[in-house]
N, C-alpha and C. Protein backbone atom coordinates (compact mmCIF):
# COMPACT_ATOMS: atom_id res chain seq x y z
N MET A 1 0.85 -1.18 0.00
CA MET A 1 0.00 0.00 0.00
C MET A 1 0.89 1.24 0.00
N ALA A 2 0.42 2.26 -0.65
CA ALA A 2 1.15 3.53 -0.66
C ALA A 2 1.27 4.04 0.77
N ILE A 3 2.23 4.87 0.98
CA ILE A 3 2.50 5.37 2.33
C ILE A 3 1.61 6.59 2.59
N ILE A 4 0.35 6.34 2.87
CA ILE A 4 -0.60 7.40 3.21
C ILE A 4 -1.31 6.96 4.48
N PRO A 5 -1.01 7.60 5.60
CA PRO A 5 -1.63 7.20 6.86
C PRO A 5 -3.16 7.27 6.81
N ARG A 6 -3.80 6.34 7.47
CA ARG A 6 -5.25 6.19 7.47
C ARG A 6 -5.98 7.46 7.92
N GLU A 7 -5.39 8.22 8.81
CA GLU A 7 -6.06 9.43 9.32
C GLU A 7 -6.09 10.58 8.32
N GLU A 8 -5.50 10.38 7.15
CA GLU A 8 -5.45 11.45 6.15
C GLU A 8 -6.59 11.40 5.13
N TYR A 9 -7.51 10.47 5.26
CA TYR A 9 -8.62 10.37 4.31
C TYR A 9 -9.83 9.72 4.96
N ALA A 10 -10.97 9.90 4.33
CA ALA A 10 -12.24 9.37 4.85
C ALA A 10 -12.37 7.88 4.53
N ASP A 11 -13.24 7.22 5.28
CA ASP A 11 -13.46 5.78 5.10
C ASP A 11 -13.80 5.41 3.66
N PHE A 12 -14.61 6.24 3.00
CA PHE A 12 -15.06 5.88 1.65
C PHE A 12 -13.95 5.95 0.61
N HIS A 13 -12.79 6.48 0.97
CA HIS A 13 -11.65 6.49 0.05
C HIS A 13 -10.71 5.31 0.27
N GLU A 14 -10.96 4.52 1.30
CA GLU A 14 -10.10 3.39 1.61
C GLU A 14 -9.99 2.42 0.43
N ASN A 15 -11.09 2.20 -0.29
CA ASN A 15 -11.06 1.27 -1.43
C ASN A 15 -10.08 1.70 -2.50
N TYR A 16 -9.87 3.00 -2.66
CA TYR A 16 -8.92 3.48 -3.67
C TYR A 16 -7.49 3.44 -3.14
N ILE A 17 -7.31 3.87 -1.91
CA ILE A 17 -5.96 3.90 -1.32
C ILE A 17 -5.38 2.49 -1.22
N LYS A 18 -6.21 1.52 -0.86
CA LYS A 18 -5.68 0.16 -0.68
C LYS A 18 -5.26 -0.50 -2.00
N LEU A 19 -5.66 0.06 -3.13
CA LEU A 19 -5.25 -0.47 -4.43
C LEU A 19 -3.84 -0.03 -4.83
N LEU A 20 -3.28 0.91 -4.09
CA LEU A 20 -1.97 1.44 -4.46
C LEU A 20 -0.85 0.54 -3.98
N PRO A 21 0.10 0.25 -4.85
CA PRO A 21 1.27 -0.50 -4.39
C PRO A 21 2.18 0.42 -3.57
N ASP A 22 3.17 -0.17 -2.94
CA ASP A 22 4.12 0.63 -2.17
C ASP A 22 4.78 1.67 -3.05
N GLY A 23 5.05 2.81 -2.45
CA GLY A 23 5.76 3.86 -3.17
C GLY A 23 5.12 5.21 -2.95
N GLU A 24 5.74 6.19 -3.52
CA GLU A 24 5.23 7.55 -3.42
C GLU A 24 4.09 7.74 -4.42
N PRO A 25 2.99 8.35 -3.99
CA PRO A 25 1.83 8.49 -4.87
C PRO A 25 2.11 9.18 -6.20
N LEU A 26 2.96 10.20 -6.23
CA LEU A 26 3.24 10.89 -7.50
C LEU A 26 3.98 9.96 -8.46
N ASP A 27 4.91 9.16 -7.94
CA ASP A 27 5.61 8.19 -8.78
C ASP A 27 4.64 7.15 -9.31
N LEU A 28 3.70 6.74 -8.48
CA LEU A 28 2.71 5.75 -8.90
C LEU A 28 1.81 6.31 -10.00
N LEU A 29 1.39 7.55 -9.83
CA LEU A 29 0.54 8.18 -10.85
C LEU A 29 1.27 8.25 -12.19
N LYS A 30 2.51 8.65 -12.14
CA LYS A 30 3.30 8.75 -13.37
C LYS A 30 3.47 7.37 -14.01
N ALA A 31 3.78 6.36 -13.22
CA ALA A 31 4.02 5.02 -13.74
C ALA A 31 2.76 4.41 -14.34
N GLN A 32 1.62 4.67 -13.76
CA GLN A 32 0.40 4.03 -14.26
C GLN A 32 -0.17 4.75 -15.47
N THR A 33 0.17 6.01 -15.68
CA THR A 33 -0.46 6.81 -16.72
C THR A 33 -0.34 6.18 -18.10
N ASN A 34 0.87 5.85 -18.53
CA ASN A 34 1.02 5.29 -19.88
C ASN A 34 0.32 3.95 -20.01
N ARG A 35 0.37 3.12 -18.97
CA ARG A 35 -0.29 1.82 -19.05
C ARG A 35 -1.80 1.98 -19.18
N PHE A 36 -2.38 2.90 -18.42
CA PHE A 36 -3.82 3.08 -18.49
C PHE A 36 -4.23 3.67 -19.83
N PHE A 37 -3.47 4.63 -20.32
CA PHE A 37 -3.83 5.20 -21.62
C PHE A 37 -3.65 4.18 -22.73
N GLU A 38 -2.72 3.25 -22.55
CA GLU A 38 -2.60 2.15 -23.51
C GLU A 38 -3.91 1.36 -23.55
N LEU A 39 -4.49 1.11 -22.41
CA LEU A 39 -5.80 0.43 -22.34
C LEU A 39 -6.87 1.27 -23.04
N TYR A 40 -6.94 2.54 -22.69
CA TYR A 40 -8.01 3.40 -23.22
C TYR A 40 -7.94 3.53 -24.74
N TYR A 41 -6.72 3.67 -25.27
CA TYR A 41 -6.57 3.83 -26.71
C TYR A 41 -6.84 2.54 -27.49
N ARG A 42 -6.89 1.41 -26.79
CA ARG A 42 -7.21 0.13 -27.44
C ARG A 42 -8.70 -0.22 -27.37
N ILE A 43 -9.51 0.68 -26.84
CA ILE A 43 -10.94 0.39 -26.75
C ILE A 43 -11.53 0.36 -28.15
N PRO A 44 -12.12 -0.76 -28.54
CA PRO A 44 -12.71 -0.83 -29.88
C PRO A 44 -13.96 0.05 -29.98
N ALA A 45 -14.21 0.53 -31.18
CA ALA A 45 -15.35 1.43 -31.42
C ALA A 45 -16.67 0.82 -30.95
N ASP A 46 -16.82 -0.49 -31.09
CA ASP A 46 -18.09 -1.11 -30.69
C ASP A 46 -18.25 -1.24 -29.18
N LYS A 47 -17.21 -0.88 -28.41
CA LYS A 47 -17.28 -0.93 -26.94
C LYS A 47 -17.45 0.44 -26.30
N GLU A 48 -17.31 1.51 -27.06
CA GLU A 48 -17.34 2.86 -26.49
C GLU A 48 -18.61 3.14 -25.69
N ASP A 49 -19.73 2.69 -26.19
CA ASP A 49 -21.00 2.95 -25.53
C ASP A 49 -21.56 1.70 -24.84
N TYR A 50 -20.73 0.67 -24.72
CA TYR A 50 -21.13 -0.59 -24.12
C TYR A 50 -21.37 -0.45 -22.62
N ARG A 51 -22.43 -1.09 -22.15
CA ARG A 51 -22.73 -1.21 -20.73
C ARG A 51 -22.87 -2.70 -20.44
N TYR A 52 -22.20 -3.18 -19.42
CA TYR A 52 -22.26 -4.62 -19.13
C TYR A 52 -23.59 -5.02 -18.51
N GLU A 53 -24.37 -4.02 -18.10
CA GLU A 53 -25.67 -4.27 -17.48
C GLU A 53 -26.49 -2.99 -17.58
N ALA A 54 -27.80 -3.15 -17.70
CA ALA A 54 -28.69 -1.98 -17.76
C ALA A 54 -28.47 -1.12 -16.52
N GLY A 55 -28.41 0.19 -16.74
CA GLY A 55 -28.24 1.12 -15.63
C GLY A 55 -26.79 1.37 -15.23
N LYS A 56 -25.85 0.63 -15.81
CA LYS A 56 -24.43 0.85 -15.53
C LYS A 56 -23.87 1.86 -16.53
N TRP A 57 -22.78 2.49 -16.17
CA TRP A 57 -22.17 3.49 -17.03
C TRP A 57 -21.55 2.83 -18.26
N SER A 58 -21.57 3.57 -19.37
CA SER A 58 -20.88 3.12 -20.58
C SER A 58 -19.38 3.33 -20.39
N VAL A 59 -18.61 2.76 -21.29
CA VAL A 59 -17.16 2.93 -21.25
C VAL A 59 -16.80 4.41 -21.32
N LYS A 60 -17.42 5.15 -22.24
CA LYS A 60 -17.13 6.59 -22.35
C LYS A 60 -17.55 7.32 -21.08
N GLU A 61 -18.64 6.92 -20.47
CA GLU A 61 -19.07 7.58 -19.23
C GLU A 61 -18.07 7.32 -18.10
N ILE A 62 -17.49 6.13 -18.07
CA ILE A 62 -16.48 5.85 -17.05
C ILE A 62 -15.27 6.76 -17.24
N ILE A 63 -14.83 6.92 -18.46
CA ILE A 63 -13.68 7.78 -18.72
C ILE A 63 -14.01 9.23 -18.41
N SER A 64 -15.21 9.66 -18.74
CA SER A 64 -15.65 11.01 -18.38
C SER A 64 -15.66 11.18 -16.86
N HIS A 65 -16.15 10.16 -16.16
CA HIS A 65 -16.17 10.19 -14.70
C HIS A 65 -14.75 10.29 -14.14
N LEU A 66 -13.82 9.54 -14.71
CA LEU A 66 -12.43 9.62 -14.26
C LEU A 66 -11.88 11.03 -14.44
N ALA A 67 -12.16 11.63 -15.59
CA ALA A 67 -11.67 12.98 -15.87
C ALA A 67 -12.29 14.00 -14.90
N ASP A 68 -13.60 13.92 -14.72
CA ASP A 68 -14.29 14.84 -13.81
C ASP A 68 -13.76 14.70 -12.38
N THR A 69 -13.62 13.47 -11.93
CA THR A 69 -13.16 13.23 -10.56
C THR A 69 -11.74 13.72 -10.38
N GLU A 70 -10.89 13.49 -11.36
CA GLU A 70 -9.51 13.95 -11.25
C GLU A 70 -9.45 15.47 -11.19
N ARG A 71 -10.27 16.13 -11.98
CA ARG A 71 -10.33 17.60 -11.92
C ARG A 71 -10.74 18.08 -10.53
N ILE A 72 -11.77 17.46 -9.99
CA ILE A 72 -12.29 17.88 -8.68
C ILE A 72 -11.27 17.61 -7.58
N MET A 73 -10.67 16.43 -7.59
CA MET A 73 -9.67 16.11 -6.56
C MET A 73 -8.45 17.01 -6.69
N SER A 74 -8.05 17.33 -7.90
CA SER A 74 -6.92 18.24 -8.10
C SER A 74 -7.25 19.65 -7.62
N TYR A 75 -8.48 20.08 -7.88
CA TYR A 75 -8.91 21.39 -7.40
C TYR A 75 -8.87 21.44 -5.88
N ARG A 76 -9.36 20.40 -5.25
CA ARG A 76 -9.29 20.33 -3.79
C ARG A 76 -7.85 20.40 -3.32
N ALA A 77 -6.98 19.64 -3.98
CA ALA A 77 -5.56 19.64 -3.61
C ALA A 77 -4.94 21.02 -3.78
N LEU A 78 -5.27 21.71 -4.85
CA LEU A 78 -4.77 23.07 -5.06
C LEU A 78 -5.18 23.97 -3.91
N ARG A 79 -6.46 23.95 -3.59
CA ARG A 79 -6.96 24.81 -2.51
C ARG A 79 -6.27 24.50 -1.19
N PHE A 80 -6.24 23.23 -0.81
CA PHE A 80 -5.67 22.87 0.49
C PHE A 80 -4.17 23.09 0.53
N SER A 81 -3.48 22.84 -0.57
CA SER A 81 -2.02 23.03 -0.60
C SER A 81 -1.65 24.49 -0.44
N ARG A 82 -2.56 25.37 -0.81
CA ARG A 82 -2.30 26.81 -0.69
C ARG A 82 -2.84 27.38 0.63
N ASN A 83 -3.13 26.49 1.56
CA ASN A 83 -3.63 26.86 2.89
C ASN A 83 -5.02 27.48 2.87
N ASP A 84 -5.81 27.18 1.88
CA ASP A 84 -7.20 27.61 1.85
C ASP A 84 -7.99 26.63 2.71
N THR A 85 -8.54 27.11 3.79
CA THR A 85 -9.24 26.23 4.75
C THR A 85 -10.75 26.20 4.55
N THR A 86 -11.22 26.75 3.44
CA THR A 86 -12.65 26.71 3.15
C THR A 86 -13.09 25.26 2.95
N ALA A 87 -14.14 24.85 3.68
CA ALA A 87 -14.67 23.50 3.50
C ALA A 87 -15.29 23.39 2.11
N LEU A 88 -14.99 22.32 1.42
CA LEU A 88 -15.48 22.11 0.06
C LEU A 88 -16.58 21.05 0.06
N PRO A 89 -17.61 21.27 -0.75
CA PRO A 89 -18.74 20.34 -0.76
C PRO A 89 -18.42 19.04 -1.49
N ALA A 90 -19.29 18.08 -1.29
CA ALA A 90 -19.23 16.82 -2.05
C ALA A 90 -19.69 17.09 -3.47
N PHE A 91 -19.52 16.12 -4.34
CA PHE A 91 -20.09 16.22 -5.67
C PHE A 91 -20.84 14.94 -5.96
N ASP A 92 -21.87 15.04 -6.75
CA ASP A 92 -22.72 13.90 -7.08
C ASP A 92 -22.22 13.30 -8.39
N GLN A 93 -21.49 12.21 -8.30
CA GLN A 93 -20.90 11.60 -9.49
C GLN A 93 -21.95 11.17 -10.50
N ASP A 94 -23.10 10.72 -10.03
CA ASP A 94 -24.15 10.29 -10.96
C ASP A 94 -24.73 11.47 -11.73
N LEU A 95 -24.85 12.63 -11.08
CA LEU A 95 -25.31 13.83 -11.77
C LEU A 95 -24.31 14.23 -12.85
N TYR A 96 -23.04 14.21 -12.51
CA TYR A 96 -22.02 14.58 -13.48
C TYR A 96 -22.06 13.65 -14.69
N VAL A 97 -22.17 12.36 -14.45
CA VAL A 97 -22.22 11.40 -15.55
C VAL A 97 -23.48 11.60 -16.38
N SER A 98 -24.61 11.86 -15.72
CA SER A 98 -25.86 12.03 -16.46
C SER A 98 -25.83 13.28 -17.35
N GLU A 99 -24.99 14.24 -17.02
CA GLU A 99 -24.87 15.47 -17.81
C GLU A 99 -23.76 15.40 -18.86
N PHE A 100 -23.05 14.28 -18.92
CA PHE A 100 -21.99 14.09 -19.91
C PHE A 100 -22.63 13.96 -21.29
N PRO A 101 -22.22 14.80 -22.24
CA PRO A 101 -22.82 14.75 -23.59
C PRO A 101 -22.18 13.65 -24.45
N GLY A 102 -22.32 12.40 -24.02
CA GLY A 102 -21.64 11.27 -24.63
C GLY A 102 -21.78 11.14 -26.12
N ALA A 103 -22.98 11.33 -26.64
CA ALA A 103 -23.19 11.15 -28.08
C ALA A 103 -22.45 12.21 -28.89
N GLN A 104 -22.18 13.35 -28.29
CA GLN A 104 -21.54 14.46 -29.00
C GLN A 104 -20.02 14.46 -28.87
N VAL A 105 -19.48 13.57 -28.03
CA VAL A 105 -18.04 13.55 -27.78
C VAL A 105 -17.48 12.21 -28.22
N SER A 106 -16.51 12.25 -29.09
CA SER A 106 -15.89 10.99 -29.52
C SER A 106 -14.96 10.49 -28.42
N LEU A 107 -14.65 9.22 -28.48
CA LEU A 107 -13.71 8.66 -27.52
C LEU A 107 -12.34 9.33 -27.67
N ALA A 108 -11.93 9.60 -28.90
CA ALA A 108 -10.64 10.26 -29.13
C ALA A 108 -10.60 11.64 -28.47
N GLU A 109 -11.68 12.40 -28.59
CA GLU A 109 -11.74 13.73 -27.95
C GLU A 109 -11.71 13.60 -26.43
N LEU A 110 -12.44 12.64 -25.93
CA LEU A 110 -12.50 12.41 -24.48
C LEU A 110 -11.12 12.02 -23.94
N LEU A 111 -10.43 11.15 -24.66
CA LEU A 111 -9.10 10.74 -24.22
C LEU A 111 -8.09 11.87 -24.31
N SER A 112 -8.22 12.72 -25.31
CA SER A 112 -7.35 13.88 -25.42
C SER A 112 -7.56 14.82 -24.23
N GLU A 113 -8.81 15.03 -23.87
CA GLU A 113 -9.12 15.86 -22.71
C GLU A 113 -8.57 15.24 -21.43
N PHE A 114 -8.78 13.94 -21.26
CA PHE A 114 -8.32 13.27 -20.05
C PHE A 114 -6.80 13.31 -19.96
N ARG A 115 -6.11 13.13 -21.07
CA ARG A 115 -4.65 13.19 -21.06
C ARG A 115 -4.18 14.59 -20.64
N ALA A 116 -4.86 15.63 -21.11
CA ALA A 116 -4.51 17.00 -20.72
C ALA A 116 -4.74 17.22 -19.22
N ILE A 117 -5.83 16.67 -18.72
CA ILE A 117 -6.11 16.75 -17.28
C ILE A 117 -5.01 16.06 -16.49
N ARG A 118 -4.61 14.87 -16.96
CA ARG A 118 -3.57 14.11 -16.27
C ARG A 118 -2.25 14.89 -16.25
N LEU A 119 -1.89 15.51 -17.36
CA LEU A 119 -0.66 16.31 -17.41
C LEU A 119 -0.76 17.46 -16.41
N SER A 120 -1.91 18.10 -16.37
CA SER A 120 -2.13 19.19 -15.43
C SER A 120 -2.03 18.69 -13.98
N THR A 121 -2.62 17.54 -13.71
CA THR A 121 -2.56 16.96 -12.36
C THR A 121 -1.11 16.68 -11.97
N PHE A 122 -0.39 16.04 -12.87
CA PHE A 122 0.99 15.70 -12.59
C PHE A 122 1.83 16.95 -12.34
N THR A 123 1.63 17.97 -13.16
CA THR A 123 2.37 19.22 -13.00
C THR A 123 2.02 19.90 -11.68
N LEU A 124 0.75 19.94 -11.35
CA LEU A 124 0.31 20.55 -10.09
C LEU A 124 1.02 19.90 -8.91
N PHE A 125 0.93 18.59 -8.81
CA PHE A 125 1.51 17.89 -7.67
C PHE A 125 3.04 17.90 -7.70
N SER A 126 3.64 17.91 -8.88
CA SER A 126 5.10 17.94 -8.99
C SER A 126 5.68 19.21 -8.39
N ASN A 127 4.93 20.27 -8.43
CA ASN A 127 5.41 21.56 -7.95
C ASN A 127 5.06 21.85 -6.50
N MET A 128 4.57 20.84 -5.78
CA MET A 128 4.23 21.02 -4.36
C MET A 128 5.39 20.58 -3.49
N SER A 129 5.60 21.32 -2.42
CA SER A 129 6.63 20.95 -1.45
C SER A 129 6.10 19.82 -0.57
N ALA A 130 7.00 19.19 0.16
CA ALA A 130 6.61 18.13 1.10
C ALA A 130 5.61 18.68 2.12
N GLU A 131 5.82 19.90 2.55
CA GLU A 131 4.91 20.53 3.51
C GLU A 131 3.51 20.70 2.91
N MET A 132 3.44 21.12 1.67
CA MET A 132 2.14 21.32 1.02
C MET A 132 1.38 20.00 0.89
N LEU A 133 2.10 18.91 0.61
CA LEU A 133 1.45 17.61 0.45
C LEU A 133 0.82 17.12 1.76
N LEU A 134 1.34 17.60 2.88
CA LEU A 134 0.81 17.17 4.18
C LEU A 134 -0.35 18.03 4.68
N ARG A 135 -0.60 19.14 4.02
CA ARG A 135 -1.69 20.01 4.45
C ARG A 135 -3.02 19.31 4.26
N LYS A 136 -3.97 19.72 5.10
CA LYS A 136 -5.30 19.09 5.07
C LYS A 136 -6.38 20.14 4.92
N GLY A 137 -7.51 19.68 4.44
CA GLY A 137 -8.70 20.51 4.34
C GLY A 137 -9.91 19.62 4.47
N GLN A 138 -11.05 20.24 4.44
CA GLN A 138 -12.29 19.47 4.55
C GLN A 138 -13.01 19.44 3.21
N ALA A 139 -13.34 18.24 2.78
CA ALA A 139 -14.10 18.03 1.54
C ALA A 139 -15.11 16.92 1.81
N SER A 140 -16.30 17.11 1.35
CA SER A 140 -17.37 16.13 1.54
C SER A 140 -17.59 15.82 3.02
N GLY A 141 -17.33 16.82 3.85
CA GLY A 141 -17.57 16.66 5.29
C GLY A 141 -16.48 15.91 6.04
N HIS A 142 -15.33 15.66 5.40
CA HIS A 142 -14.25 14.90 6.03
C HIS A 142 -12.91 15.57 5.78
N GLN A 143 -12.00 15.40 6.72
CA GLN A 143 -10.63 15.88 6.55
C GLN A 143 -9.90 14.99 5.55
N VAL A 144 -9.11 15.62 4.71
CA VAL A 144 -8.30 14.88 3.74
C VAL A 144 -7.02 15.66 3.49
N SER A 145 -5.91 14.95 3.37
CA SER A 145 -4.64 15.61 3.07
C SER A 145 -4.47 15.74 1.57
N VAL A 146 -3.60 16.63 1.19
CA VAL A 146 -3.27 16.82 -0.22
C VAL A 146 -2.63 15.53 -0.75
N ARG A 147 -1.75 14.94 0.03
CA ARG A 147 -1.10 13.68 -0.36
C ARG A 147 -2.14 12.58 -0.58
N ALA A 148 -3.15 12.52 0.30
CA ALA A 148 -4.19 11.51 0.14
C ALA A 148 -5.01 11.76 -1.13
N LEU A 149 -5.25 13.03 -1.47
CA LEU A 149 -5.98 13.33 -2.71
C LEU A 149 -5.23 12.80 -3.92
N LEU A 150 -3.91 12.92 -3.90
CA LEU A 150 -3.10 12.36 -4.98
C LEU A 150 -3.25 10.84 -5.02
N GLY A 151 -3.20 10.20 -3.88
CA GLY A 151 -3.40 8.75 -3.82
C GLY A 151 -4.79 8.34 -4.26
N ILE A 152 -5.78 9.13 -3.91
CA ILE A 152 -7.16 8.84 -4.31
C ILE A 152 -7.29 8.91 -5.83
N ILE A 153 -6.67 9.90 -6.44
CA ILE A 153 -6.70 10.02 -7.91
C ILE A 153 -6.12 8.76 -8.54
N ALA A 154 -4.95 8.34 -8.07
CA ALA A 154 -4.29 7.16 -8.64
C ALA A 154 -5.09 5.89 -8.37
N GLY A 155 -5.58 5.73 -7.16
CA GLY A 155 -6.34 4.53 -6.81
C GLY A 155 -7.69 4.48 -7.49
N HIS A 156 -8.31 5.64 -7.67
CA HIS A 156 -9.62 5.71 -8.32
C HIS A 156 -9.50 5.24 -9.77
N GLU A 157 -8.47 5.70 -10.45
CA GLU A 157 -8.28 5.25 -11.83
C GLU A 157 -7.98 3.76 -11.87
N ARG A 158 -7.16 3.30 -10.96
CA ARG A 158 -6.82 1.87 -10.89
C ARG A 158 -8.10 1.04 -10.68
N HIS A 159 -8.98 1.52 -9.82
CA HIS A 159 -10.26 0.84 -9.55
C HIS A 159 -11.08 0.71 -10.83
N HIS A 160 -11.25 1.81 -11.54
CA HIS A 160 -12.08 1.78 -12.75
C HIS A 160 -11.41 1.03 -13.90
N ALA A 161 -10.09 1.07 -13.98
CA ALA A 161 -9.40 0.28 -15.00
C ALA A 161 -9.66 -1.21 -14.75
N GLY A 162 -9.66 -1.60 -13.49
CA GLY A 162 -9.97 -2.98 -13.15
C GLY A 162 -11.38 -3.37 -13.56
N ILE A 163 -12.32 -2.46 -13.36
CA ILE A 163 -13.70 -2.71 -13.77
C ILE A 163 -13.80 -2.83 -15.29
N LEU A 164 -13.08 -1.97 -16.01
CA LEU A 164 -13.10 -2.05 -17.47
C LEU A 164 -12.58 -3.40 -17.96
N VAL A 165 -11.62 -3.96 -17.27
CA VAL A 165 -11.08 -5.26 -17.64
C VAL A 165 -12.06 -6.37 -17.25
N GLU A 166 -12.50 -6.36 -16.00
CA GLU A 166 -13.33 -7.45 -15.47
C GLU A 166 -14.75 -7.49 -16.03
N ARG A 167 -15.39 -6.35 -16.11
CA ARG A 167 -16.81 -6.33 -16.46
C ARG A 167 -17.10 -5.88 -17.89
N TYR A 168 -16.14 -5.23 -18.51
CA TYR A 168 -16.36 -4.74 -19.87
C TYR A 168 -15.53 -5.53 -20.88
N GLY A 169 -14.71 -6.45 -20.38
CA GLY A 169 -13.96 -7.33 -21.26
C GLY A 169 -12.84 -6.67 -22.02
N LEU A 170 -12.30 -5.57 -21.50
CA LEU A 170 -11.20 -4.89 -22.19
C LEU A 170 -9.88 -5.52 -21.78
N ASP A 171 -8.94 -5.48 -22.69
CA ASP A 171 -7.62 -6.06 -22.47
C ASP A 171 -6.72 -5.03 -21.84
N MET A 172 -6.15 -5.37 -20.68
CA MET A 172 -5.37 -4.40 -19.90
C MET A 172 -3.91 -4.79 -19.83
N PRO A 173 -3.02 -3.82 -20.07
CA PRO A 173 -1.59 -4.07 -19.81
C PRO A 173 -1.40 -4.28 -18.31
N GLU A 174 -0.32 -4.91 -17.93
CA GLU A 174 -0.05 -5.15 -16.51
C GLU A 174 -0.05 -3.84 -15.73
N LEU A 175 -0.62 -3.88 -14.51
CA LEU A 175 -0.72 -2.67 -13.68
C LEU A 175 0.55 -2.44 -12.86
N ASP A 176 1.24 -3.46 -12.46
CA ASP A 176 2.39 -3.27 -11.58
C ASP A 176 3.70 -3.48 -12.29
């Protein structure tokens, strides 16, 4: 598991943090990026809108969800790293997905956007000092550290990549 103490994040983030192998979260994010994008770029056209079950998100909706969540977690990290102590609200992931204009956005466009978000995320965290990574703030009614937000981003993507492999039948490069 990544070196993120349990008191730095809420219970509902444990599922993402526990997916992280040992190491520093920023190194893990960088290492997984190319492997995950290799998976995403191999998604066949006939799977883009595939749902493994009625009411489940499509492949494109999952990728949109990953991009939205990474933006939100990075925004939280920016605020808290800069000593902004304003409590930040939760976000409704289902609302965000329901508002995704899937039919109007190609998978290629979505992946281009997500790659830009990932570069921005990596750059943001790369420029933080060790002190900034340890700062905490309140989001969704719980204390969370900047370092934990980075781990949540990496673990969240790892979680959904696993779902894409297991439930959507996509072929995944090795994660570790």
